[in-house]
């Protein structure tokens, strides 16, 4: 099973570079940290650890990102919770981001 993410700043029309990202897995009682990193020069994080089917969460430090740009934001953090079910598939969780809105979807 593989997992990746990609953050695009739709206001600037560019990848969101340097966004702090945290990956957690829910163990049935609490969230367990699996990885922390920042998006690369293309706004991506690839090969995140997702060893088993289950419920996961990506937390994006959008306040930090927009603060570095000197831009106010309504969302200081974006949290995306999702279920990985098929260990044979690649899972991609993109985030389309602006200071006052965001969207995400199950990518390929």
PDB file of N, CA and C in Angstrom:
ATOM      1  N   UNK A   1       0.848  -1.171   0.000  1.00  0.00           N
ATOM      2  CA  UNK A   1       0.000   0.000   0.000  1.00  0.00           C
ATOM      3  C   UNK A   1       0.893   1.233   0.000  1.00  0.00           C
ATOM      4  N   UNK A   2       0.596   2.190  -0.865  1.00  0.00           N
ATOM      5  CA  UNK A   2       1.360   3.425  -0.903  1.00  0.00           C
ATOM      6  C   UNK A   2       0.431   4.615  -0.722  1.00  0.00           C
ATOM      7  N   UNK A   3       0.996   5.702  -0.212  1.00  0.00           N
ATOM      8  CA  UNK A   3       0.229   6.909   0.070  1.00  0.00           C
ATOM      9  C   UNK A   3       1.076   8.126  -0.275  1.00  0.00           C
ATOM     10  N   UNK A   4       0.459   9.117  -0.920  1.00  0.00           N
ATOM     11  CA  UNK A   4       1.140  10.375  -1.226  1.00  0.00           C
ATOM     12  C   UNK A   4       0.138  11.520  -1.126  1.00  0.00           C
ATOM     13  N   UNK A   5       0.677  12.739  -1.092  1.00  0.00           N
ATOM     14  CA  UNK A   5      -0.161  13.934  -1.095  1.00  0.00           C
ATOM     15  C   UNK A   5       0.510  15.016  -1.926  1.00  0.00           C
ATOM     16  N   UNK A   6      -0.296  15.988  -2.344  1.00  0.00           N
ATOM     17  CA  UNK A   6       0.169  17.082  -3.182  1.00  0.00           C
ATOM     18  C   UNK A   6      -0.658  18.296  -2.785  1.00  0.00           C
ATOM     19  N   UNK A   7      -0.007  19.417  -2.478  1.00  0.00           N
ATOM     20  CA  UNK A   7      -0.714  20.632  -2.078  1.00  0.00           C
ATOM     21  C   UNK A   7      -0.499  21.695  -3.140  1.00  0.00           C
ATOM     22  N   UNK A   8      -1.595  22.217  -3.666  1.00  0.00           N
ATOM     23  CA  UNK A   8      -1.547  23.269  -4.677  1.00  0.00           C
ATOM     24  C   UNK A   8      -2.190  24.533  -4.123  1.00  0.00           C
ATOM     25  N   UNK A   9      -1.498  25.645  -4.238  1.00  0.00           N
ATOM     26  CA  UNK A   9      -2.019  26.944  -3.825  1.00  0.00           C
ATOM     27  C   UNK A   9      -2.783  27.507  -5.013  1.00  0.00           C
ATOM     28  N   UNK A  10      -4.105  27.458  -4.953  1.00  0.00           N
ATOM     29  CA  UNK A  10      -4.919  27.874  -6.102  1.00  0.00           C
ATOM     30  C   UNK A  10      -4.947  29.383  -6.272  1.00  0.00           C
ATOM     31  N   UNK A  11      -4.621  30.133  -5.226  1.00  0.00           N
ATOM     32  CA  UNK A  11      -4.565  31.594  -5.341  1.00  0.00           C
ATOM     33  C   UNK A  11      -3.365  32.017  -6.173  1.00  0.00           C
ATOM     34  N   UNK A  12      -2.249  31.356  -5.946  1.00  0.00           N
ATOM     35  CA  UNK A  12      -1.015  31.699  -6.652  1.00  0.00           C
ATOM     36  C   UNK A  12      -0.844  30.889  -7.930  1.00  0.00           C
ATOM     37  N   UNK A  13      -1.627  29.805  -8.080  1.00  0.00           N
ATOM     38  CA  UNK A  13      -1.494  28.944  -9.249  1.00  0.00           C
ATOM     39  C   UNK A  13      -0.191  28.177  -9.262  1.00  0.00           C
ATOM     40  N   UNK A  14       0.284  27.806  -8.045  1.00  0.00           N
ATOM     41  CA  UNK A  14       1.575  27.131  -7.923  1.00  0.00           C
ATOM     42  C   UNK A  14       1.514  26.053  -6.832  1.00  0.00           C
ATOM     43  N   UNK A  15       2.465  25.142  -6.847  1.00  0.00           N
ATOM     44  CA  UNK A  15       2.562  24.189  -5.737  1.00  0.00           C
ATOM     45  C   UNK A  15       2.817  24.942  -4.427  1.00  0.00           C
ATOM     46  N   UNK A  16       2.277  24.423  -3.355  1.00  0.00           N
ATOM     47  CA  UNK A  16       2.490  25.002  -2.026  1.00  0.00           C
ATOM     48  C   UNK A  16       3.737  24.354  -1.422  1.00  0.00           C
ATOM     49  N   UNK A  17       4.825  25.089  -1.440  1.00  0.00           N
ATOM     50  CA  UNK A  17       6.121  24.587  -0.984  1.00  0.00           C
ATOM     51  C   UNK A  17       6.287  24.858   0.511  1.00  0.00           C
ATOM     52  N   UNK A  18       6.777  23.864   1.244  1.00  0.00           N
ATOM     53  CA  UNK A  18       7.084  24.049   2.654  1.00  0.00           C
ATOM     54  C   UNK A  18       5.905  23.946   3.597  1.00  0.00           C
ATOM     55  N   UNK A  19       4.823  23.310   3.173  1.00  0.00           N
ATOM     56  CA  UNK A  19       3.664  23.119   4.064  1.00  0.00           C
ATOM     57  C   UNK A  19       3.986  21.977   5.026  1.00  0.00           C
ATOM     58  N   UNK A  20       3.911  22.224   6.337  1.00  0.00           N
ATOM     59  CA  UNK A  20       4.091  21.128   7.284  1.00  0.00           C
ATOM     60  C   UNK A  20       2.933  20.131   7.164  1.00  0.00           C
ATOM     61  N   UNK A  21       3.270  18.851   7.121  1.00  0.00           N
ATOM     62  CA  UNK A  21       2.259  17.796   7.003  1.00  0.00           C
ATOM     63  C   UNK A  21       2.554  16.734   8.046  1.00  0.00           C
ATOM     64  N   UNK A  22       1.499  16.288   8.702  1.00  0.00           N
ATOM     65  CA  UNK A  22       1.618  15.219   9.701  1.00  0.00           C
ATOM     66  C   UNK A  22       0.653  14.102   9.297  1.00  0.00           C
ATOM     67  N   UNK A  23       1.129  12.866   9.329  1.00  0.00           N
ATOM     68  CA  UNK A  23       0.301  11.695   9.049  1.00  0.00           C
ATOM     69  C   UNK A  23       0.115  10.907  10.337  1.00  0.00           C
ATOM     70  N   UNK A  24      -1.148  10.613  10.670  1.00  0.00           N
ATOM     71  CA  UNK A  24      -1.494   9.818  11.847  1.00  0.00           C
ATOM     72  C   UNK A  24      -2.379   8.656  11.426  1.00  0.00           C
ATOM     73  N   UNK A  25      -2.347   7.591  12.222  1.00  0.00           N
ATOM     74  CA  UNK A  25      -3.235   6.439  12.029  1.00  0.00           C
ATOM     75  C   UNK A  25      -4.061   6.272  13.291  1.00  0.00           C
ATOM     76  N   UNK A  26      -5.363   6.017  13.106  1.00  0.00           N
ATOM     77  CA  UNK A  26      -6.261   5.821  14.245  1.00  0.00           C
ATOM     78  C   UNK A  26      -6.217   4.352  14.654  1.00  0.00           C
ATOM     79  N   UNK A  27      -5.912   4.099  15.918  1.00  0.00           N
ATOM     80  CA  UNK A  27      -5.789   2.713  16.391  1.00  0.00           C
ATOM     81  C   UNK A  27      -7.055   2.189  17.055  1.00  0.00           C
ATOM     82  N   UNK A  28      -8.143   2.930  16.949  1.00  0.00           N
ATOM     83  CA  UNK A  28      -9.404   2.541  17.576  1.00  0.00           C
ATOM     84  C   UNK A  28      -9.691   3.306  18.843  1.00  0.00           C
ATOM     85  N   UNK A  29      -8.649   3.920  19.415  1.00  0.00           N
ATOM     86  CA  UNK A  29      -8.813   4.719  20.632  1.00  0.00           C
ATOM     87  C   UNK A  29      -8.178   6.095  20.521  1.00  0.00           C
ATOM     88  N   UNK A  30      -7.050   6.169  19.824  1.00  0.00           N
ATOM     89  CA  UNK A  30      -6.347   7.457  19.690  1.00  0.00           C
ATOM     90  C   UNK A  30      -5.535   7.468  18.387  1.00  0.00           C
ATOM     91  N   UNK A  31      -5.080   8.667  18.049  1.00  0.00           N
ATOM     92  CA  UNK A  31      -4.276   8.859  16.850  1.00  0.00           C
ATOM     93  C   UNK A  31      -2.807   8.616  17.169  1.00  0.00           C
ATOM     94  N   UNK A  32      -2.144   7.870  16.298  1.00  0.00           N
ATOM     95  CA  UNK A  32      -0.720   7.559  16.452  1.00  0.00           C
ATOM     96  C   UNK A  32       0.056   8.232  15.325  1.00  0.00           C
ATOM     97  N   UNK A  33       1.078   9.009  15.685  1.00  0.00           N
ATOM     98  CA  UNK A  33       1.915   9.676  14.699  1.00  0.00           C
ATOM     99  C   UNK A  33       2.698   8.647  13.887  1.00  0.00           C
ATOM    100  N   UNK A  34       2.648   8.779  12.550  1.00  0.00           N
ATOM    101  CA  UNK A  34       3.438   7.923  11.650  1.00  0.00           C
ATOM    102  C   UNK A  34       4.571   8.688  10.975  1.00  0.00           C
ATOM    103  N   UNK A  35       4.305   9.959  10.627  1.00  0.00           N
ATOM    104  CA  UNK A  35       5.321  10.735   9.908  1.00  0.00           C
ATOM    105  C   UNK A  35       5.007  12.221   9.993  1.00  0.00           C
ATOM    106  N   UNK A  36       6.071  13.022   9.921  1.00  0.00           N
ATOM    107  CA  UNK A  36       5.958  14.475   9.811  1.00  0.00           C
ATOM    108  C   UNK A  36       7.009  14.937   8.816  1.00  0.00           C
ATOM    109  N   UNK A  37       6.614  15.857   7.931  1.00  0.00           N
ATOM    110  CA  UNK A  37       7.544  16.378   6.938  1.00  0.00           C
ATOM    111  C   UNK A  37       6.946  17.658   6.377  1.00  0.00           C
ATOM    112  N   UNK A  38       7.631  18.266   5.417  1.00  0.00           N
ATOM    113  CA  UNK A  38       7.093  19.425   4.709  1.00  0.00           C
ATOM    114  C   UNK A  38       7.082  19.128   3.220  1.00  0.00           C
ATOM    115  N   UNK A  39       6.164  19.781   2.522  1.00  0.00           N
ATOM    116  CA  UNK A  39       6.062  19.553   1.084  1.00  0.00           C
ATOM    117  C   UNK A  39       7.317  20.064   0.378  1.00  0.00           C
ATOM    118  N   UNK A  40       7.681  19.373  -0.690  1.00  0.00           N
ATOM    119  CA  UNK A  40       8.895  19.701  -1.437  1.00  0.00           C
ATOM    120  C   UNK A  40       8.651  20.849  -2.427  1.00  0.00           C
ATOM    121  N   UNK A  41       9.595  21.078  -3.297  1.00  0.00           N
ATOM    122  CA  UNK A  41       9.526  22.162  -4.277  1.00  0.00           C
ATOM    123  C   UNK A  41       8.392  22.037  -5.267  1.00  0.00           C
ATOM    124  N   UNK A  42       7.791  20.860  -5.355  1.00  0.00           N
ATOM    125  CA  UNK A  42       6.630  20.651  -6.216  1.00  0.00           C
ATOM    126  C   UNK A  42       5.354  20.509  -5.391  1.00  0.00           C
ATOM    127  N   UNK A  43       5.429  20.826  -4.082  1.00  0.00           N
ATOM    128  CA  UNK A  43       4.254  20.734  -3.210  1.00  0.00           C
ATOM    129  C   UNK A  43       3.864  19.312  -2.863  1.00  0.00           C
ATOM    130  N   UNK A  44       4.789  18.369  -2.993  1.00  0.00           N
ATOM    131  CA  UNK A  44       4.463  16.956  -2.826  1.00  0.00           C
ATOM    132  C   UNK A  44       5.155  16.312  -1.629  1.00  0.00           C
ATOM    133  N   UNK A  45       4.516  15.259  -1.145  1.00  0.00           N
ATOM    134  CA  UNK A  45       5.101  14.293  -0.217  1.00  0.00           C
ATOM    135  C   UNK A  45       4.725  12.931  -0.759  1.00  0.00           C
ATOM    136  N   UNK A  46       5.707  12.137  -1.072  1.00  0.00           N
ATOM    137  CA  UNK A  46       5.440  10.807  -1.602  1.00  0.00           C
ATOM    138  C   UNK A  46       5.921   9.739  -0.655  1.00  0.00           C
ATOM    139  N   UNK A  47       5.495   8.548  -0.885  1.00  0.00           N
ATOM    140  CA  UNK A  47       5.919   7.382  -0.108  1.00  0.00           C
ATOM    141  C   UNK A  47       5.737   7.569   1.396  1.00  0.00           C
ATOM    142  N   UNK A  48       4.574   8.059   1.776  1.00  0.00           N
ATOM    143  CA  UNK A  48       4.249   8.166   3.199  1.00  0.00           C
ATOM    144  C   UNK A  48       3.949   6.776   3.742  1.00  0.00           C
ATOM    145  N   UNK A  49       4.276   6.517   4.994  1.00  0.00           N
ATOM    146  CA  UNK A  49       4.048   5.173   5.545  1.00  0.00           C
ATOM    147  C   UNK A  49       2.567   4.917   5.812  1.00  0.00           C
ATOM    148  N   UNK A  50       2.019   3.934   5.154  1.00  0.00           N
ATOM    149  CA  UNK A  50       0.643   3.497   5.370  1.00  0.00           C
ATOM    150  C   UNK A  50       0.643   1.979   5.234  1.00  0.00           C
ATOM    151  N   UNK A  51       1.136   1.292   6.243  1.00  0.00           N
ATOM    152  CA  UNK A  51       1.404  -0.127   6.101  1.00  0.00           C
ATOM    153  C   UNK A  51       0.173  -1.025   6.056  1.00  0.00           C
ATOM    154  N   UNK A  52      -0.927  -0.584   6.608  1.00  0.00           N
ATOM    155  CA  UNK A  52      -2.094  -1.453   6.727  1.00  0.00           C
ATOM    156  C   UNK A  52      -3.363  -0.699   6.374  1.00  0.00           C
ATOM    157  N   UNK A  53      -4.411  -1.444   5.970  1.00  0.00           N
ATOM    158  CA  UNK A  53      -5.707  -0.794   5.832  1.00  0.00           C
ATOM    159  C   UNK A  53      -6.116  -0.194   7.177  1.00  0.00           C
ATOM    160  N   UNK A  54      -6.848   0.910   7.115  1.00  0.00           N
ATOM    161  CA  UNK A  54      -7.301   1.550   8.346  1.00  0.00           C
ATOM    162  C   UNK A  54      -7.675   2.995   8.108  1.00  0.00           C
ATOM    163  N   UNK A  55      -7.913   3.702   9.210  1.00  0.00           N
ATOM    164  CA  UNK A  55      -8.294   5.113   9.173  1.00  0.00           C
ATOM    165  C   UNK A  55      -7.061   5.964   9.444  1.00  0.00           C
ATOM    166  N   UNK A  56      -6.845   6.937   8.572  1.00  0.00           N
ATOM    167  CA  UNK A  56      -5.673   7.800   8.639  1.00  0.00           C
ATOM    168  C   UNK A  56      -6.117   9.262   8.623  1.00  0.00           C
ATOM    169  N   UNK A  57      -5.182  10.125   8.996  1.00  0.00           N
ATOM    170  CA  UNK A  57      -5.454  11.560   8.955  1.00  0.00           C
ATOM    171  C   UNK A  57      -4.182  12.282   8.516  1.00  0.00           C
ATOM    172  N   UNK A  58      -4.373  13.219   7.595  1.00  0.00           N
ATOM    173  CA  UNK A  58      -3.324  14.147   7.204  1.00  0.00           C
ATOM    174  C   UNK A  58      -3.674  15.510   7.782  1.00  0.00           C
ATOM    175  N   UNK A  59      -2.720  16.111   8.478  1.00  0.00           N
ATOM    176  CA  UNK A  59      -2.898  17.452   9.039  1.00  0.00           C
ATOM    177  C   UNK A  59      -1.912  18.385   8.337  1.00  0.00           C
ATOM    178  N   UNK A  60      -2.451  19.391   7.679  1.00  0.00           N
ATOM    179  CA  UNK A  60      -1.661  20.336   6.904  1.00  0.00           C
ATOM    180  C   UNK A  60      -1.542  21.655   7.668  1.00  0.00           C
ATOM    181  N   UNK A  61      -0.316  22.130   7.887  1.00  0.00           N
ATOM    182  CA  UNK A  61      -0.079  23.381   8.604  1.00  0.00           C
ATOM    183  C   UNK A  61      -0.235  24.587   7.695  1.00  0.00           C
ATOM    184  N   UNK A  62      -1.465  24.870   7.320  1.00  0.00           N
ATOM    185  CA  UNK A  62      -1.741  25.948   6.374  1.00  0.00           C
ATOM    186  C   UNK A  62      -1.477  27.327   6.965  1.00  0.00           C
ATOM    187  N   UNK A  63      -1.659  27.490   8.278  1.00  0.00           N
ATOM    188  CA  UNK A  63      -1.368  28.770   8.915  1.00  0.00           C
ATOM    189  C   UNK A  63       0.107  29.111   8.804  1.00  0.00           C
ATOM    190  N   UNK A  64       0.950  28.122   9.014  1.00  0.00           N
ATOM    191  CA  UNK A  64       2.401  28.308   8.883  1.00  0.00           C
ATOM    192  C   UNK A  64       2.752  28.692   7.442  1.00  0.00           C
ATOM    193  N   UNK A  65       2.182  27.971   6.484  1.00  0.00           N
ATOM    194  CA  UNK A  65       2.455  28.233   5.071  1.00  0.00           C
ATOM    195  C   UNK A  65       2.065  29.663   4.688  1.00  0.00           C
ATOM    196  N   UNK A  66       0.824  30.052   4.989  1.00  0.00           N
ATOM    197  CA  UNK A  66       0.381  31.389   4.611  1.00  0.00           C
ATOM    198  C   UNK A  66       1.092  32.470   5.424  1.00  0.00           C
ATOM    199  N   UNK A  67       1.425  32.177   6.687  1.00  0.00           N
ATOM    200  CA  UNK A  67       2.196  33.123   7.489  1.00  0.00           C
ATOM    201  C   UNK A  67       3.540  33.433   6.859  1.00  0.00           C
ATOM    202  N   UNK A  68       4.208  32.404   6.338  1.00  0.00           N
ATOM    203  CA  UNK A  68       5.489  32.606   5.657  1.00  0.00           C
ATOM    204  C   UNK A  68       5.348  33.488   4.421  1.00  0.00           C
ATOM    205  N   UNK A  69       4.143  33.472   3.824  1.00  0.00           N
ATOM    206  CA  UNK A  69       3.888  34.311   2.644  1.00  0.00           C
ATOM    207  C   UNK A  69       3.396  35.706   3.030  1.00  0.00           C
ATOM    208  N   UNK A  70       3.165  35.937   4.326  1.00  0.00           N
ATOM    209  CA  UNK A  70       2.623  37.220   4.772  1.00  0.00           C
ATOM    210  C   UNK A  70       1.160  37.384   4.426  1.00  0.00           C
ATOM    211  N   UNK A  71       0.442  36.259   4.352  1.00  0.00           N
ATOM    212  CA  UNK A  71      -0.965  36.254   3.962  1.00  0.00           C
ATOM    213  C   UNK A  71      -1.825  35.746   5.109  1.00  0.00           C
ATOM    214  N   UNK A  72      -2.919  36.461   5.403  1.00  0.00           N
ATOM    215  CA  UNK A  72      -3.869  35.982   6.402  1.00  0.00           C
ATOM    216  C   UNK A  72      -4.613  34.777   5.859  1.00  0.00           C
ATOM    217  N   UNK A  73      -5.060  33.904   6.766  1.00  0.00           N
ATOM    218  CA  UNK A  73      -5.862  32.745   6.363  1.00  0.00           C
ATOM    219  C   UNK A  73      -6.926  32.470   7.406  1.00  0.00           C
ATOM    220  N   UNK A  74      -8.044  31.974   6.963  1.00  0.00           N
ATOM    221  CA  UNK A  74      -9.143  31.602   7.850  1.00  0.00           C
ATOM    222  C   UNK A  74      -8.917  30.221   8.445  1.00  0.00           C
ATOM    223  N   UNK A  75      -8.166  29.383   7.746  1.00  0.00           N
ATOM    224  CA  UNK A  75      -7.922  27.999   8.163  1.00  0.00           C
ATOM    225  C   UNK A  75      -6.451  27.814   8.543  1.00  0.00           C
ATOM    226  N   UNK A  76      -6.113  27.865   9.831  1.00  0.00           N
ATOM    227  CA  UNK A  76      -4.720  27.678  10.227  1.00  0.00           C
ATOM    228  C   UNK A  76      -4.251  26.230  10.089  1.00  0.00           C
ATOM    229  N   UNK A  77      -5.200  25.314   9.974  1.00  0.00           N
ATOM    230  CA  UNK A  77      -4.881  23.900   9.777  1.00  0.00           C
ATOM    231  C   UNK A  77      -6.008  23.258   8.975  1.00  0.00           C
ATOM    232  N   UNK A  78      -5.636  22.377   8.078  1.00  0.00           N
ATOM    233  CA  UNK A  78      -6.618  21.570   7.350  1.00  0.00           C
ATOM    234  C   UNK A  78      -6.362  20.119   7.738  1.00  0.00           C
ATOM    235  N   UNK A  79      -7.409  19.445   8.173  1.00  0.00           N
ATOM    236  CA  UNK A  79      -7.321  18.039   8.564  1.00  0.00           C
ATOM    237  C   UNK A  79      -8.192  17.216   7.633  1.00  0.00           C
ATOM    238  N   UNK A  80      -7.600  16.191   7.043  1.00  0.00           N
ATOM    239  CA  UNK A  80      -8.327  15.295   6.142  1.00  0.00           C
ATOM    240  C   UNK A  80      -8.238  13.890   6.726  1.00  0.00           C
ATOM    241  N   UNK A  81      -9.394  13.315   7.062  1.00  0.00           N
ATOM    242  CA  UNK A  81      -9.476  11.955   7.594  1.00  0.00           C
ATOM    243  C   UNK A  81     -10.015  11.065   6.480  1.00  0.00           C
ATOM    244  N   UNK A  82      -9.386   9.898   6.290  1.00  0.00           N
ATOM    245  CA  UNK A  82      -9.764   9.025   5.182  1.00  0.00           C
ATOM    246  C   UNK A  82      -9.484   7.575   5.557  1.00  0.00           C
ATOM    247  N   UNK A  83     -10.085   6.674   4.803  1.00  0.00           N
ATOM    248  CA  UNK A  83      -9.938   5.235   5.029  1.00  0.00           C
ATOM    249  C   UNK A  83      -9.185   4.621   3.865  1.00  0.00           C
ATOM    250  N   UNK A  84      -8.132   3.879   4.185  1.00  0.00           N
ATOM    251  CA  UNK A  84      -7.410   3.105   3.189  1.00  0.00           C
ATOM    252  C   UNK A  84      -7.878   1.663   3.309  1.00  0.00           C
ATOM    253  N   UNK A  85      -8.437   1.139   2.221  1.00  0.00           N
ATOM    254  CA  UNK A  85      -9.035  -0.191   2.292  1.00  0.00           C
ATOM    255  C   UNK A  85      -8.294  -1.241   1.473  1.00  0.00           C
ATOM    256  N   UNK A  86      -7.815  -0.863   0.308  1.00  0.00           N
ATOM    257  CA  UNK A  86      -7.234  -1.845  -0.605  1.00  0.00           C
ATOM    258  C   UNK A  86      -5.711  -1.755  -0.577  1.00  0.00           C
ATOM    259  N   UNK A  87      -5.034  -2.741   0.013  1.00  0.00           N
ATOM    260  CA  UNK A  87      -3.583  -2.676   0.112  1.00  0.00           C
ATOM    261  C   UNK A  87      -2.862  -2.769  -1.232  1.00  0.00           C
ATOM    262  N   UNK A  88      -3.556  -3.150  -2.293  1.00  0.00           N
ATOM    263  CA  UNK A  88      -2.924  -3.274  -3.604  1.00  0.00           C
ATOM    264  C   UNK A  88      -2.895  -1.947  -4.359  1.00  0.00           C
ATOM    265  N   UNK A  89      -3.599  -0.944  -3.873  1.00  0.00           N
ATOM    266  CA  UNK A  89      -3.722   0.317  -4.598  1.00  0.00           C
ATOM    267  C   UNK A  89      -2.802   1.398  -4.053  1.00  0.00           C
ATOM    268  N   UNK A  90      -2.471   2.335  -4.946  1.00  0.00           N
ATOM    269  CA  UNK A  90      -1.812   3.572  -4.523  1.00  0.00           C
ATOM    270  C   UNK A  90      -2.910   4.547  -4.111  1.00  0.00           C
ATOM    271  N   UNK A  91      -2.706   5.255  -3.021  1.00  0.00           N
ATOM    272  CA  UNK A  91      -3.668   6.236  -2.533  1.00  0.00           C
ATOM    273  C   UNK A  91      -3.020   7.613  -2.573  1.00  0.00           C
ATOM    274  N   UNK A  92      -3.722   8.572  -3.168  1.00  0.00           N
ATOM    275  CA  UNK A  92      -3.207   9.930  -3.294  1.00  0.00           C
ATOM    276  C   UNK A  92      -4.268  10.886  -2.764  1.00  0.00           C
ATOM    277  N   UNK A  93      -3.861  11.787  -1.859  1.00  0.00           N
ATOM    278  CA  UNK A  93      -4.791  12.725  -1.229  1.00  0.00           C
ATOM    279  C   UNK A  93      -4.318  14.148  -1.533  1.00  0.00           C
ATOM    280  N   UNK A  94      -4.795  14.752  -2.629  1.00  0.00           N
ATOM    281  CA  UNK A  94      -4.409  16.111  -2.967  1.00  0.00           C
ATOM    282  C   UNK A  94      -5.186  17.133  -2.130  1.00  0.00           C
ATOM    283  N   UNK A  95      -4.568  18.293  -1.916  1.00  0.00           N
ATOM    284  CA  UNK A  95      -5.227  19.407  -1.237  1.00  0.00           C
ATOM    285  C   UNK A  95      -5.090  20.630  -2.129  1.00  0.00           C
ATOM    286  N   UNK A  96      -6.231  21.210  -2.518  1.00  0.00           N
ATOM    287  CA  UNK A  96      -6.271  22.464  -3.265  1.00  0.00           C
ATOM    288  C   UNK A  96      -6.563  23.553  -2.245  1.00  0.00           C
ATOM    289  N   UNK A  97      -5.707  24.543  -2.163  1.00  0.00           N
ATOM    290  CA  UNK A  97      -5.682  25.446  -1.032  1.00  0.00           C
ATOM    291  C   UNK A  97      -5.725  26.910  -1.449  1.00  0.00           C
ATOM    292  N   UNK A  98      -6.495  27.711  -0.709  1.00  0.00           N
ATOM    293  CA  UNK A  98      -6.450  29.166  -0.799  1.00  0.00           C
ATOM    294  C   UNK A  98      -6.597  29.691   0.629  1.00  0.00           C
ATOM    295  N   UNK A  99      -6.372  30.979   0.865  1.00  0.00           N
ATOM    296  CA  UNK A  99      -6.443  31.475   2.237  1.00  0.00           C
ATOM    297  C   UNK A  99      -7.828  31.321   2.889  1.00  0.00           C
ATOM    298  N   UNK A 100      -8.892  31.266   2.084  1.00  0.00           N
ATOM    299  CA  UNK A 100     -10.241  31.220   2.645  1.00  0.00           C
ATOM    300  C   UNK A 100     -11.067  30.034   2.149  1.00  0.00           C
ATOM    301  N   UNK A 101     -10.385  28.999   1.678  1.00  0.00           N
ATOM    302  CA  UNK A 101     -11.093  27.805   1.253  1.00  0.00           C
ATOM    303  C   UNK A 101     -10.118  26.712   0.869  1.00  0.00           C
ATOM    304  N   UNK A 102     -10.651  25.500   0.803  1.00  0.00           N
ATOM    305  CA  UNK A 102      -9.845  24.368   0.370  1.00  0.00           C
ATOM    306  C   UNK A 102     -10.761  23.266  -0.111  1.00  0.00           C
ATOM    307  N   UNK A 103     -10.195  22.331  -0.882  1.00  0.00           N
ATOM    308  CA  UNK A 103     -10.927  21.131  -1.279  1.00  0.00           C
ATOM    309  C   UNK A 103      -9.930  20.003  -1.415  1.00  0.00           C
ATOM    310  N   UNK A 104     -10.448  18.802  -1.369  1.00  0.00           N
ATOM    311  CA  UNK A 104      -9.620  17.607  -1.484  1.00  0.00           C
ATOM    312  C   UNK A 104     -10.429  16.531  -2.189  1.00  0.00           C
ATOM    313  N   UNK A 105      -9.757  15.516  -2.650  1.00  0.00           N
ATOM    314  CA  UNK A 105     -10.430  14.416  -3.336  1.00  0.00           C
ATOM    315  C   UNK A 105      -9.519  13.192  -3.313  1.00  0.00           C
ATOM    316  N   UNK A 106     -10.063  12.054  -3.678  1.00  0.00           N
ATOM    317  CA  UNK A 106      -9.284  10.814  -3.781  1.00  0.00           C
ATOM    318  C   UNK A 106      -8.622  10.816  -5.141  1.00  0.00           C
ATOM    319  N   UNK A 107      -7.322  11.059  -5.186  1.00  0.00           N
ATOM    320  CA  UNK A 107      -6.592  11.108  -6.441  1.00  0.00           C
ATOM    321  C   UNK A 107      -6.082   9.734  -6.827  1.00  0.00           C
ATOM    322  N   UNK A 108      -5.307   9.714  -7.900  1.00  0.00           N
ATOM    323  CA  UNK A 108      -4.763   8.439  -8.374  1.00  0.00           C
ATOM    324  C   UNK A 108      -3.260   8.501  -8.452  1.00  0.00           C
TER     325      UNK A 108
END
